[in-house]
N, C-alpha and C. Protein backbone atom coordinates (compact mmCIF):
# COMPACT_ATOMS: atom_id res chain seq x y z
N MET A 1 -4.43 -15.27 1.25
CA MET A 1 -5.18 -15.32 -0.01
C MET A 1 -4.81 -14.29 -0.84
N PHE A 2 -4.92 -14.54 -2.33
CA PHE A 2 -4.69 -13.55 -3.36
C PHE A 2 -5.79 -12.99 -3.70
N VAL A 3 -5.55 -11.69 -4.18
CA VAL A 3 -6.60 -10.75 -4.67
C VAL A 3 -6.10 -10.19 -5.92
N GLN A 4 -6.65 -10.30 -6.99
CA GLN A 4 -6.39 -9.41 -8.12
C GLN A 4 -7.67 -8.53 -8.42
N VAL A 5 -7.37 -7.28 -8.19
CA VAL A 5 -8.30 -6.03 -7.85
C VAL A 5 -8.69 -5.59 -9.69
N ARG A 6 -9.97 -5.81 -10.05
CA ARG A 6 -10.23 -5.58 -11.14
C ARG A 6 -10.74 -4.19 -11.22
N ASP A 7 -11.06 -3.14 -10.17
CA ASP A 7 -11.69 -1.82 -10.17
C ASP A 7 -10.81 -1.05 -9.27
N LEU A 8 -10.14 -0.15 -9.85
CA LEU A 8 -9.16 0.86 -9.26
C LEU A 8 -9.24 2.31 -9.99
N GLU A 9 -10.62 2.70 -10.06
CA GLU A 9 -10.44 3.99 -10.52
C GLU A 9 -10.02 5.21 -9.84
N LEU A 10 -9.01 5.99 -10.70
CA LEU A 10 -8.36 7.25 -9.76
C LEU A 10 -9.16 8.42 -10.62
N THR A 11 -9.25 9.34 -9.72
CA THR A 11 -9.43 10.72 -10.33
C THR A 11 -8.36 11.76 -10.29
N HIS A 12 -8.63 13.07 -10.32
CA HIS A 12 -7.66 14.32 -10.63
C HIS A 12 -7.56 14.35 -9.23
N ALA A 13 -8.41 14.17 -8.23
CA ALA A 13 -8.28 14.57 -6.66
C ALA A 13 -7.28 13.34 -5.95
N ASP A 14 -7.36 12.18 -6.37
CA ASP A 14 -6.42 11.29 -5.94
C ASP A 14 -5.23 11.70 -6.06
N VAL A 15 -4.60 12.04 -7.53
CA VAL A 15 -3.46 12.30 -7.89
C VAL A 15 -2.79 13.69 -7.33
N PHE A 16 -3.63 14.48 -7.22
CA PHE A 16 -3.13 15.61 -6.62
C PHE A 16 -3.10 15.94 -5.17
N ARG A 17 -3.80 14.65 -4.79
CA ARG A 17 -3.65 14.68 -3.17
C ARG A 17 -2.04 13.99 -2.90
N VAL A 18 -1.37 13.13 -3.70
CA VAL A 18 -0.35 12.72 -3.64
C VAL A 18 0.55 13.72 -3.73
N GLN A 19 0.28 14.89 -4.31
CA GLN A 19 1.33 16.32 -4.45
C GLN A 19 1.17 17.27 -3.46
N ASP A 20 0.11 16.87 -2.86
CA ASP A 20 -0.49 17.62 -1.52
C ASP A 20 -0.83 19.18 -2.13
N VAL A 21 -1.57 19.01 -3.27
CA VAL A 21 -2.13 20.37 -3.79
C VAL A 21 -3.77 20.06 -4.04
N ASP A 22 -4.43 20.87 -4.11
CA ASP A 22 -5.84 21.03 -4.21
C ASP A 22 -6.31 20.90 -5.75
N SER A 23 -7.08 19.97 -5.95
CA SER A 23 -7.33 19.73 -7.87
C SER A 23 -8.32 20.92 -8.09
N VAL A 24 -9.01 21.44 -7.54
CA VAL A 24 -9.64 22.60 -8.12
C VAL A 24 -8.95 23.64 -8.23
N LEU A 25 -8.39 23.94 -7.65
CA LEU A 25 -7.14 25.29 -7.71
C LEU A 25 -6.28 25.15 -8.79
N VAL A 26 -5.71 23.76 -8.85
CA VAL A 26 -5.10 23.48 -10.22
C VAL A 26 -5.97 23.63 -11.44
N ARG A 27 -7.02 23.13 -11.18
CA ARG A 27 -7.89 23.18 -12.77
C ARG A 27 -8.47 24.65 -12.95
N GLU A 28 -8.21 25.38 -11.84
CA GLU A 28 -8.49 26.98 -12.29
C GLU A 28 -7.17 27.71 -12.72
N ARG A 29 -6.21 27.42 -11.81
CA ARG A 29 -4.89 28.29 -12.11
C ARG A 29 -4.17 27.73 -13.16
N ARG A 30 -4.07 26.32 -13.32
CA ARG A 30 -3.18 25.80 -13.84
C ARG A 30 -3.86 24.62 -14.92
N PRO A 31 -4.30 25.28 -15.46
CA PRO A 31 -5.26 24.33 -16.51
C PRO A 31 -4.67 23.51 -17.69
N SER A 32 -3.19 23.81 -17.63
CA SER A 32 -2.37 22.75 -18.56
C SER A 32 -2.14 21.85 -17.85
N LEU A 33 -1.70 21.97 -16.48
CA LEU A 33 -1.37 20.63 -15.83
C LEU A 33 -2.14 19.96 -15.38
N TYR A 34 -3.76 20.66 -15.52
CA TYR A 34 -4.80 19.56 -15.05
C TYR A 34 -4.72 18.58 -16.36
N THR A 35 -4.88 19.10 -17.54
CA THR A 35 -4.83 18.77 -18.72
C THR A 35 -4.05 17.42 -18.86
N LEU A 36 -2.67 17.70 -18.57
CA LEU A 36 -1.69 16.84 -18.44
C LEU A 36 -1.82 15.73 -17.59
N THR A 37 -2.48 15.77 -16.35
CA THR A 37 -2.61 14.90 -15.26
C THR A 37 -3.77 14.03 -15.51
N GLU A 38 -4.82 14.46 -16.54
CA GLU A 38 -5.67 14.03 -17.28
C GLU A 38 -5.40 12.85 -18.28
N GLN A 39 -4.56 13.18 -18.85
CA GLN A 39 -3.93 12.32 -20.02
C GLN A 39 -3.11 11.26 -19.38
N ALA A 40 -2.06 11.38 -18.19
CA ALA A 40 -1.55 10.41 -17.42
C ALA A 40 -2.94 9.50 -16.62
N LEU A 41 -3.95 10.19 -16.24
CA LEU A 41 -4.79 9.21 -15.59
C LEU A 41 -5.37 8.30 -16.66
N GLU A 42 -5.54 8.80 -18.21
CA GLU A 42 -6.20 7.84 -19.07
C GLU A 42 -5.05 6.72 -19.43
N GLU A 43 -3.65 6.86 -19.39
CA GLU A 43 -2.90 6.09 -20.12
C GLU A 43 -2.75 5.33 -18.72
N SER A 44 -2.84 5.63 -17.70
CA SER A 44 -2.56 4.87 -16.35
C SER A 44 -3.38 3.47 -16.26
N LYS A 45 -4.65 3.85 -16.82
CA LYS A 45 -5.45 2.69 -17.21
C LYS A 45 -5.09 1.48 -17.85
N THR A 46 -3.93 1.77 -18.57
CA THR A 46 -3.65 0.70 -19.45
C THR A 46 -2.38 0.03 -18.65
N LEU A 47 -1.85 0.60 -17.69
CA LEU A 47 -0.58 0.63 -17.13
C LEU A 47 -0.86 -0.14 -15.67
N LEU A 48 -1.86 -0.09 -14.93
CA LEU A 48 -1.75 -0.45 -13.70
C LEU A 48 -2.17 -1.88 -13.61
N GLN A 49 -1.55 -2.75 -12.71
CA GLN A 49 -1.64 -4.12 -12.54
C GLN A 49 -2.03 -4.33 -11.05
N PRO A 50 -3.21 -3.98 -10.42
CA PRO A 50 -3.13 -4.03 -8.98
C PRO A 50 -3.23 -5.60 -8.41
N GLU A 51 -2.51 -5.79 -7.50
CA GLU A 51 -2.71 -7.09 -6.95
C GLU A 51 -2.46 -7.17 -5.62
N LEU A 52 -3.12 -7.84 -4.89
CA LEU A 52 -2.62 -8.03 -3.23
C LEU A 52 -2.68 -9.50 -2.67
N VAL A 53 -1.87 -9.69 -1.74
CA VAL A 53 -2.04 -10.86 -0.84
C VAL A 53 -2.04 -10.55 0.40
N TYR A 54 -2.90 -11.62 1.16
CA TYR A 54 -3.02 -11.40 2.64
C TYR A 54 -3.11 -12.37 3.62
N ARG A 55 -2.78 -12.38 4.53
CA ARG A 55 -3.17 -13.60 5.75
C ARG A 55 -3.88 -12.90 6.97
N ARG A 56 -4.82 -13.54 7.61
CA ARG A 56 -5.38 -13.17 8.68
C ARG A 56 -4.95 -14.41 9.67
N LEU A 57 -4.11 -13.66 10.84
CA LEU A 57 -3.35 -14.68 11.79
C LEU A 57 -4.12 -14.46 13.35
N ALA A 58 -4.36 -15.20 13.93
CA ALA A 58 -5.01 -14.87 15.38
C ALA A 58 -4.01 -14.34 16.49
N VAL A 59 -4.14 -13.55 17.10
CA VAL A 59 -3.17 -13.26 18.27
C VAL A 59 -3.04 -14.23 19.15
N GLN A 60 -2.12 -14.63 19.52
CA GLN A 60 -1.89 -15.70 20.57
C GLN A 60 -1.53 -15.27 22.16
N ARG A 61 -0.78 -14.25 22.06
CA ARG A 61 -0.37 -13.63 23.34
C ARG A 61 0.40 -12.51 22.95
N VAL A 62 0.39 -11.44 23.89
CA VAL A 62 1.19 -10.05 23.66
C VAL A 62 2.06 -10.24 25.11
N GLU A 63 3.32 -9.87 24.44
CA GLU A 63 4.37 -9.54 25.69
C GLU A 63 4.72 -8.32 25.33
N HIS A 64 5.92 -8.05 26.19
CA HIS A 64 6.20 -6.75 26.33
C HIS A 64 6.69 -6.15 25.23
N ASN A 65 7.43 -6.51 24.33
CA ASN A 65 7.69 -5.96 22.90
C ASN A 65 7.63 -6.83 21.75
N ARG A 66 6.54 -7.84 21.92
CA ARG A 66 6.31 -8.87 21.10
C ARG A 66 4.77 -9.21 20.99
N MET A 67 4.44 -9.32 19.84
CA MET A 67 3.16 -10.14 19.48
C MET A 67 3.11 -11.14 18.89
N GLN A 68 2.85 -12.28 19.69
CA GLN A 68 2.95 -13.74 18.90
C GLN A 68 1.56 -14.11 18.69
N LEU A 69 1.62 -14.72 16.98
CA LEU A 69 0.89 -14.93 15.99
C LEU A 69 0.50 -16.33 16.13
N ASP A 70 -0.48 -16.79 15.45
CA ASP A 70 -0.68 -18.27 15.00
C ASP A 70 0.42 -18.76 14.27
N GLY A 71 0.55 -19.92 14.06
CA GLY A 71 2.03 -20.29 13.12
C GLY A 71 3.39 -20.07 13.42
N GLY A 72 3.34 -19.77 14.77
CA GLY A 72 4.67 -19.40 15.05
C GLY A 72 5.40 -18.04 14.52
N TYR A 73 4.57 -17.27 14.23
CA TYR A 73 4.90 -16.00 13.66
C TYR A 73 4.76 -14.96 14.75
N SER A 74 5.82 -13.84 14.66
CA SER A 74 5.48 -12.82 15.53
C SER A 74 5.87 -11.24 15.08
N LEU A 75 5.42 -10.31 15.72
CA LEU A 75 5.81 -9.00 15.49
C LEU A 75 6.56 -8.25 16.55
N LYS A 76 7.86 -7.36 16.50
CA LYS A 76 8.33 -7.41 17.34
C LYS A 76 8.72 -5.71 17.24
N SER A 77 8.00 -5.21 17.95
CA SER A 77 7.94 -3.64 18.28
C SER A 77 7.28 -3.11 19.58
N LYS A 78 7.87 -2.60 20.41
CA LYS A 78 7.20 -2.14 21.93
C LYS A 78 5.96 -1.44 21.61
N ILE A 79 6.12 -0.31 20.73
CA ILE A 79 4.96 0.73 20.40
C ILE A 79 4.04 -0.15 19.56
N LEU A 80 4.22 -0.85 18.53
CA LEU A 80 3.36 -1.45 17.40
C LEU A 80 2.27 -2.59 18.73
N VAL A 81 3.21 -3.23 19.56
CA VAL A 81 2.43 -4.14 20.41
C VAL A 81 1.31 -3.37 21.16
N GLU A 82 2.23 -2.09 21.55
CA GLU A 82 0.99 -1.36 22.54
C GLU A 82 -0.22 -1.02 21.60
N ARG A 83 -0.02 -0.46 20.80
CA ARG A 83 -1.29 0.05 19.84
C ARG A 83 -1.98 -1.21 19.34
N LEU A 84 -1.69 -2.37 19.08
CA LEU A 84 -2.41 -3.49 18.75
C LEU A 84 -2.83 -4.54 19.90
N ALA A 85 -2.57 -3.82 20.96
CA ALA A 85 -2.67 -4.76 22.28
C ALA A 85 -4.08 -5.45 22.06
N GLN A 86 -5.17 -4.67 22.12
CA GLN A 86 -6.27 -5.47 21.97
C GLN A 86 -6.85 -6.04 20.70
N ALA A 87 -5.98 -6.21 19.89
CA ALA A 87 -6.43 -7.08 18.83
C ALA A 87 -6.65 -8.44 18.91
N GLU A 88 -7.67 -9.00 18.22
CA GLU A 88 -7.85 -10.32 18.03
C GLU A 88 -7.36 -11.19 17.18
N TYR A 89 -7.29 -10.29 15.90
CA TYR A 89 -6.64 -10.78 14.75
C TYR A 89 -5.40 -9.91 14.17
N VAL A 90 -4.85 -10.04 13.51
CA VAL A 90 -4.01 -9.14 12.81
C VAL A 90 -3.75 -9.71 11.22
N TYR A 91 -4.15 -8.66 10.38
CA TYR A 91 -4.26 -8.87 8.81
C TYR A 91 -2.54 -8.49 8.26
N THR A 92 -1.79 -9.32 7.72
CA THR A 92 -0.64 -8.85 7.14
C THR A 92 -0.77 -8.86 5.74
N VAL A 93 -0.31 -7.74 4.89
CA VAL A 93 -0.75 -7.44 3.64
C VAL A 93 0.24 -6.80 2.80
N ILE A 94 0.47 -7.47 1.75
CA ILE A 94 1.31 -6.96 0.51
C ILE A 94 0.81 -6.66 -0.69
N GLY A 95 0.66 -5.49 -1.26
CA GLY A 95 0.15 -5.16 -2.71
C GLY A 95 0.95 -4.43 -3.44
N THR A 96 0.68 -4.51 -4.56
CA THR A 96 1.44 -3.75 -5.74
C THR A 96 0.42 -3.23 -6.68
N VAL A 97 0.93 -2.10 -7.80
CA VAL A 97 0.28 -2.08 -8.83
C VAL A 97 1.12 -2.06 -10.08
N GLY A 98 2.07 -3.02 -9.78
CA GLY A 98 2.72 -3.72 -11.28
C GLY A 98 4.01 -2.61 -11.40
N LYS A 99 4.79 -3.14 -12.36
CA LYS A 99 6.11 -2.58 -12.73
C LYS A 99 5.98 -1.68 -13.94
N ARG A 100 4.59 -1.66 -14.75
CA ARG A 100 4.61 -1.13 -16.04
C ARG A 100 4.55 0.38 -15.76
N ILE A 101 3.98 0.92 -14.72
CA ILE A 101 3.77 2.45 -14.50
C ILE A 101 4.77 3.26 -14.23
N SER A 102 5.74 2.46 -13.24
CA SER A 102 6.99 2.99 -13.25
C SER A 102 8.08 3.00 -14.23
N GLU A 103 7.99 2.15 -14.92
CA GLU A 103 8.97 1.83 -16.34
C GLU A 103 8.37 2.88 -17.28
N ARG A 104 7.06 3.11 -17.38
CA ARG A 104 6.66 4.23 -18.29
C ARG A 104 6.71 5.63 -17.63
N ALA A 105 6.85 5.89 -16.39
CA ALA A 105 7.29 7.31 -15.96
C ALA A 105 8.76 7.59 -16.30
N SER A 106 9.51 6.29 -15.97
CA SER A 106 10.87 6.65 -16.14
C SER A 106 11.21 7.21 -17.55
N LEU A 107 10.56 6.08 -18.62
CA LEU A 107 10.72 6.30 -20.11
C LEU A 107 10.33 7.66 -20.20
N ALA A 108 9.59 8.34 -19.83
CA ALA A 108 8.88 9.76 -20.28
C ALA A 108 10.18 10.69 -19.54
N MET A 109 10.51 10.45 -18.60
CA MET A 109 11.60 11.39 -17.88
C MET A 109 12.59 11.25 -18.73
N SER A 110 13.14 10.08 -19.07
CA SER A 110 14.29 9.96 -19.83
C SER A 110 14.10 10.54 -21.19
N GLU A 111 12.81 10.74 -21.57
CA GLU A 111 12.60 11.43 -23.35
C GLU A 111 12.60 13.19 -22.65
N ASN A 112 12.87 13.49 -21.56
CA ASN A 112 12.57 14.81 -21.16
C ASN A 112 11.49 15.44 -20.88
N GLN A 113 10.01 14.35 -20.81
CA GLN A 113 8.98 14.81 -20.59
C GLN A 113 8.69 14.74 -18.88
N PHE A 114 9.37 15.57 -18.19
CA PHE A 114 9.49 15.31 -16.79
C PHE A 114 8.10 15.66 -16.11
N ALA A 115 7.46 16.56 -16.67
CA ALA A 115 6.11 16.80 -16.07
C ALA A 115 5.05 15.66 -16.21
N TYR A 116 4.94 15.31 -17.12
CA TYR A 116 4.43 13.84 -17.54
C TYR A 116 4.66 12.76 -16.89
N GLY A 117 6.11 12.51 -17.08
CA GLY A 117 6.65 11.28 -15.93
C GLY A 117 6.31 11.67 -14.55
N TYR A 118 6.18 12.65 -14.04
CA TYR A 118 5.96 12.95 -12.61
C TYR A 118 4.55 12.69 -12.51
N ALA A 119 3.56 13.00 -13.18
CA ALA A 119 2.36 13.05 -13.13
C ALA A 119 2.15 11.55 -13.35
N LEU A 120 2.92 10.72 -14.22
CA LEU A 120 2.19 9.23 -14.15
C LEU A 120 2.97 8.58 -12.73
N ASP A 121 3.92 8.99 -12.26
CA ASP A 121 4.49 8.41 -10.90
C ASP A 121 3.55 8.57 -10.08
N CYS A 122 2.84 9.81 -9.94
CA CYS A 122 2.03 10.24 -9.01
C CYS A 122 0.63 9.30 -9.11
N CYS A 123 0.14 8.86 -10.56
CA CYS A 123 -1.00 8.09 -10.57
C CYS A 123 -0.65 6.57 -9.94
N GLY A 124 0.61 6.17 -10.07
CA GLY A 124 1.01 4.93 -9.56
C GLY A 124 0.80 4.89 -7.85
N THR A 125 1.21 6.27 -7.21
CA THR A 125 1.41 6.16 -5.88
C THR A 125 -0.03 6.20 -5.43
N ALA A 126 -0.79 7.09 -6.28
CA ALA A 126 -2.28 7.36 -5.65
C ALA A 126 -3.36 5.85 -6.05
N ALA A 127 -2.87 5.28 -6.87
CA ALA A 127 -3.19 3.92 -6.92
C ALA A 127 -2.81 2.92 -5.91
N LEU A 128 -1.66 3.09 -5.57
CA LEU A 128 -1.28 2.27 -4.53
C LEU A 128 -1.91 2.36 -3.34
N GLN A 129 -2.05 3.81 -2.69
CA GLN A 129 -3.03 4.29 -1.65
C GLN A 129 -4.21 3.87 -1.79
N LYS A 130 -4.86 4.02 -2.80
CA LYS A 130 -6.26 3.45 -3.08
C LYS A 130 -6.59 1.96 -2.84
N LEU A 131 -5.36 1.10 -3.44
CA LEU A 131 -5.65 -0.35 -3.11
C LEU A 131 -5.45 -0.64 -1.62
N ALA A 132 -4.59 0.03 -0.87
CA ALA A 132 -4.64 -0.09 0.61
C ALA A 132 -5.85 0.33 1.30
N HIS A 133 -6.66 1.35 0.73
CA HIS A 133 -7.58 1.74 1.56
C HIS A 133 -8.75 1.12 1.38
N GLN A 134 -8.82 0.24 -0.28
CA GLN A 134 -9.92 -0.52 -0.68
C GLN A 134 -9.98 -1.62 0.44
N PHE A 135 -8.60 -2.28 0.49
CA PHE A 135 -8.64 -3.35 1.36
C PHE A 135 -9.32 -3.13 2.93
N THR A 136 -8.84 -2.20 3.28
CA THR A 136 -9.27 -1.66 4.71
C THR A 136 -10.56 -1.58 4.88
N SER A 137 -11.11 -0.94 3.79
CA SER A 137 -12.58 -0.78 3.79
C SER A 137 -13.44 -2.11 3.41
N TRP A 138 -12.95 -3.11 2.93
CA TRP A 138 -13.50 -4.15 2.65
C TRP A 138 -13.52 -4.97 4.07
N ILE A 139 -12.43 -5.16 4.78
CA ILE A 139 -12.34 -5.63 5.90
C ILE A 139 -13.44 -5.01 6.79
N GLU A 140 -13.51 -3.62 6.86
CA GLU A 140 -14.37 -2.94 7.92
C GLU A 140 -15.75 -3.51 7.58
N SER A 141 -16.08 -3.52 6.21
CA SER A 141 -17.50 -3.92 5.91
C SER A 141 -18.00 -5.20 5.86
N THR A 142 -16.87 -6.03 5.56
CA THR A 142 -17.33 -7.82 5.44
C THR A 142 -16.92 -8.79 6.30
N SER A 143 -16.02 -8.17 6.86
CA SER A 143 -15.17 -9.23 7.81
C SER A 143 -15.27 -9.09 9.45
N VAL A 144 -15.92 -7.68 9.87
CA VAL A 144 -15.72 -7.38 11.35
C VAL A 144 -17.31 -7.18 11.69
N PRO A 145 -17.62 -8.19 12.98
CA PRO A 145 -18.79 -7.86 13.56
C PRO A 145 -19.45 -6.52 13.93
N GLU A 146 -20.48 -6.32 14.39
CA GLU A 146 -20.97 -5.23 14.86
C GLU A 146 -20.04 -4.87 16.07
N GLY A 147 -19.62 -3.54 16.22
CA GLY A 147 -19.13 -3.12 17.70
C GLY A 147 -17.40 -3.39 17.65
N VAL A 148 -17.13 -4.21 16.95
CA VAL A 148 -15.55 -4.50 16.47
C VAL A 148 -14.81 -3.44 15.87
N LYS A 149 -13.70 -3.07 16.40
CA LYS A 149 -12.96 -1.91 15.37
C LYS A 149 -12.13 -2.43 14.64
N VAL A 150 -11.33 -1.78 13.41
CA VAL A 150 -10.36 -2.03 12.89
C VAL A 150 -9.51 -1.03 13.09
N SER A 151 -8.06 -1.28 13.17
CA SER A 151 -6.79 -0.55 13.46
C SER A 151 -6.62 0.35 12.38
N ARG A 152 -5.63 1.21 12.48
CA ARG A 152 -5.22 2.08 11.15
C ARG A 152 -4.14 1.12 10.80
N ARG A 153 -3.87 1.48 9.61
CA ARG A 153 -2.87 0.62 8.92
C ARG A 153 -1.18 1.07 9.43
N PHE A 154 -0.44 0.08 9.61
CA PHE A 154 0.90 0.00 9.91
C PHE A 154 1.91 -0.38 9.15
N SER A 155 2.76 0.36 8.41
CA SER A 155 3.82 -0.12 7.67
C SER A 155 5.02 0.06 8.26
N PRO A 156 5.85 -0.74 7.64
CA PRO A 156 7.45 -0.85 8.14
C PRO A 156 8.04 0.60 7.54
N GLY A 157 8.71 1.27 8.49
CA GLY A 157 9.24 2.45 8.18
C GLY A 157 9.28 3.47 9.09
N SER A 158 8.34 3.31 10.36
CA SER A 158 8.22 4.18 11.12
C SER A 158 9.67 3.97 12.24
N HIS A 159 9.59 5.03 13.05
CA HIS A 159 10.75 5.31 13.97
C HIS A 159 10.43 3.84 14.78
N PHE A 160 9.13 3.81 15.27
CA PHE A 160 9.04 2.36 16.25
C PHE A 160 9.11 1.13 15.39
N TRP A 161 9.14 0.83 14.30
CA TRP A 161 9.16 -0.47 13.43
C TRP A 161 9.72 -0.05 12.01
N PRO A 162 11.19 -0.11 12.05
CA PRO A 162 11.89 0.19 10.89
C PRO A 162 11.60 -0.89 9.90
N VAL A 163 12.31 -0.42 8.64
CA VAL A 163 12.03 -1.31 7.49
C VAL A 163 12.88 -2.38 7.71
N SER A 164 13.81 -2.65 8.44
CA SER A 164 14.74 -3.83 8.71
C SER A 164 14.39 -4.64 9.38
N GLN A 165 13.30 -4.36 10.18
CA GLN A 165 12.43 -5.16 11.20
C GLN A 165 11.18 -5.55 10.56
N GLY A 166 10.56 -4.84 9.95
CA GLY A 166 9.00 -4.95 9.50
C GLY A 166 9.02 -5.49 8.29
N GLN A 167 9.86 -5.31 7.48
CA GLN A 167 9.42 -5.95 6.24
C GLN A 167 9.84 -7.42 6.18
N PRO A 168 11.03 -7.79 6.58
CA PRO A 168 11.29 -9.31 7.10
C PRO A 168 9.86 -10.12 7.66
N GLU A 169 9.27 -9.44 8.49
CA GLU A 169 8.53 -10.09 9.43
C GLU A 169 7.29 -10.16 8.74
N ILE A 170 6.63 -9.05 7.60
CA ILE A 170 5.55 -9.30 6.86
C ILE A 170 5.80 -10.41 5.71
N PHE A 171 7.03 -10.48 5.15
CA PHE A 171 7.31 -11.18 4.00
C PHE A 171 7.50 -12.80 4.40
N MET A 172 7.75 -12.77 5.69
CA MET A 172 8.07 -13.98 6.09
C MET A 172 6.58 -14.60 6.57
N ILE A 173 5.83 -14.11 6.99
CA ILE A 173 4.41 -14.29 7.31
C ILE A 173 3.63 -14.76 5.73
N LEU A 174 3.86 -13.77 4.88
CA LEU A 174 3.19 -14.14 3.48
C LEU A 174 4.57 -15.04 2.52
N ASP A 175 5.18 -15.62 3.02
CA ASP A 175 6.05 -16.43 2.21
C ASP A 175 5.40 -17.29 1.01
N ASP A 176 4.75 -18.11 1.56
CA ASP A 176 4.32 -19.01 0.82
C ASP A 176 2.82 -18.64 -0.24
N ARG A 177 2.55 -17.56 -0.04
CA ARG A 177 1.57 -16.93 -0.58
C ARG A 177 1.81 -15.66 -1.89
N ASN A 178 3.16 -15.14 -1.37
CA ASN A 178 3.32 -14.08 -2.09
C ASN A 178 4.08 -14.48 -3.47
N LYS A 179 3.72 -14.12 -4.52
CA LYS A 179 4.36 -14.48 -5.70
C LYS A 179 4.27 -12.93 -6.64
N ILE A 180 3.80 -11.83 -6.00
CA ILE A 180 3.94 -10.60 -6.75
C ILE A 180 4.93 -9.59 -6.16
N VAL A 181 5.73 -9.74 -5.08
CA VAL A 181 6.22 -8.58 -4.59
C VAL A 181 7.81 -9.39 -4.24
N ARG A 182 8.69 -8.86 -4.55
CA ARG A 182 9.86 -9.61 -4.12
C ARG A 182 10.85 -8.54 -3.10
N LEU A 183 11.33 -9.01 -2.24
CA LEU A 183 11.87 -8.29 -1.36
C LEU A 183 13.46 -8.34 -1.61
N THR A 184 14.33 -7.21 -1.61
CA THR A 184 15.49 -7.37 -2.00
C THR A 184 16.38 -7.44 -0.80
N PRO A 185 17.85 -7.91 -0.55
CA PRO A 185 18.73 -7.98 0.65
C PRO A 185 18.54 -6.46 1.39
N SER A 186 18.21 -5.54 0.61
CA SER A 186 18.20 -4.36 1.29
C SER A 186 16.98 -3.87 1.67
N ASN A 187 15.97 -4.91 1.77
CA ASN A 187 14.68 -4.80 1.99
C ASN A 187 13.83 -3.66 1.41
N GLN A 188 14.21 -3.54 -0.09
CA GLN A 188 13.27 -2.91 -0.81
C GLN A 188 12.54 -3.72 -1.55
N MET A 189 11.30 -3.00 -1.68
CA MET A 189 10.38 -4.11 -2.54
C MET A 189 10.44 -3.79 -3.98
N ILE A 190 10.15 -4.93 -4.71
CA ILE A 190 10.40 -5.01 -6.51
C ILE A 190 9.06 -5.68 -6.82
N PRO A 191 8.17 -4.85 -7.44
CA PRO A 191 8.08 -3.52 -8.14
C PRO A 191 8.08 -2.71 -7.16
N ILE A 192 8.61 -1.28 -7.20
CA ILE A 192 8.95 -0.40 -6.76
C ILE A 192 7.36 0.35 -6.11
N LYS A 193 6.31 0.45 -7.10
CA LYS A 193 5.01 0.68 -6.46
C LYS A 193 4.62 -0.58 -5.84
N SER A 194 4.67 -0.60 -4.56
CA SER A 194 4.22 -1.57 -3.93
C SER A 194 4.40 -1.46 -2.20
N ILE A 195 3.38 -1.67 -1.71
CA ILE A 195 3.14 -1.47 -0.15
C ILE A 195 2.98 -2.72 0.63
N SER A 196 3.40 -2.72 1.92
CA SER A 196 3.22 -3.82 2.99
C SER A 196 2.54 -3.15 3.99
N PHE A 197 1.84 -3.85 4.86
CA PHE A 197 1.11 -3.17 6.19
C PHE A 197 0.53 -4.18 6.90
N ILE A 198 0.22 -3.96 8.14
CA ILE A 198 -0.34 -5.01 8.89
C ILE A 198 -1.82 -4.08 9.55
N LEU A 199 -2.76 -4.69 9.88
CA LEU A 199 -3.81 -3.94 10.68
C LEU A 199 -4.43 -5.13 11.74
N GLY A 200 -4.89 -4.34 12.94
CA GLY A 200 -5.73 -5.12 13.78
C GLY A 200 -7.28 -5.07 14.01
N VAL A 201 -7.63 -5.99 14.20
CA VAL A 201 -9.28 -6.14 14.33
C VAL A 201 -9.60 -6.52 15.75
C-alpha cells in the first residue's frame, strides 16, 4: 500500500536529538544555533515530501536461517529469523522524505552556509525517523489485536543483516508498489533521505 503522509511536524528536540544534544541546553547556551535551527525547521516545511509504501505478508514457515513469507518471498538472516521467530506477519516498509531537502542542504553548504546546511540535513534525518516512528505507532494502534506485540524495526545494515542482503530482499517484496525510492546497483537508496525496514507482528 502507498501512503502519502500529510502531517509530519518537527520540533527543535527532534532535530537536536539527531545531533545527540539536548535542545534545552542549546537554547540556554547557544541561542544563535537554536535560532538557526528554527529557521531550518521553518524552511523544511516547504521541502519535505514524506511518502511511504508497505506490504504485510504472512509468515509461512521459519527455518534455520530463513523466514519464508507469502508470495514466495523470504528473508535470510539467522539472527533476524531468531528475533522474529514468533511473528505471524511481517511488514516490509520503504519510506522517504524526498530529494528537495538534501538538495537544499547541499546548496547551502556549497554557498559556505555550513551550519545552516547541516541544520537542514538534520531536519531531513529527523523527519525520516519520525516517519518510521509514526508508521510503527499506527500499526500498534490500529492493526494489532489486544495482547499481540509488534517487534522493533530492523533495517538492513546491521552485522547480522548486511545492506547487500537486506536491501534487495525488501525492494523485491515491494517491487510492484514502490515508485518512490530507487535502489542503485551498490544498494544505495535514492533519494538519500530514505529508509527501509521490517517489523514483525
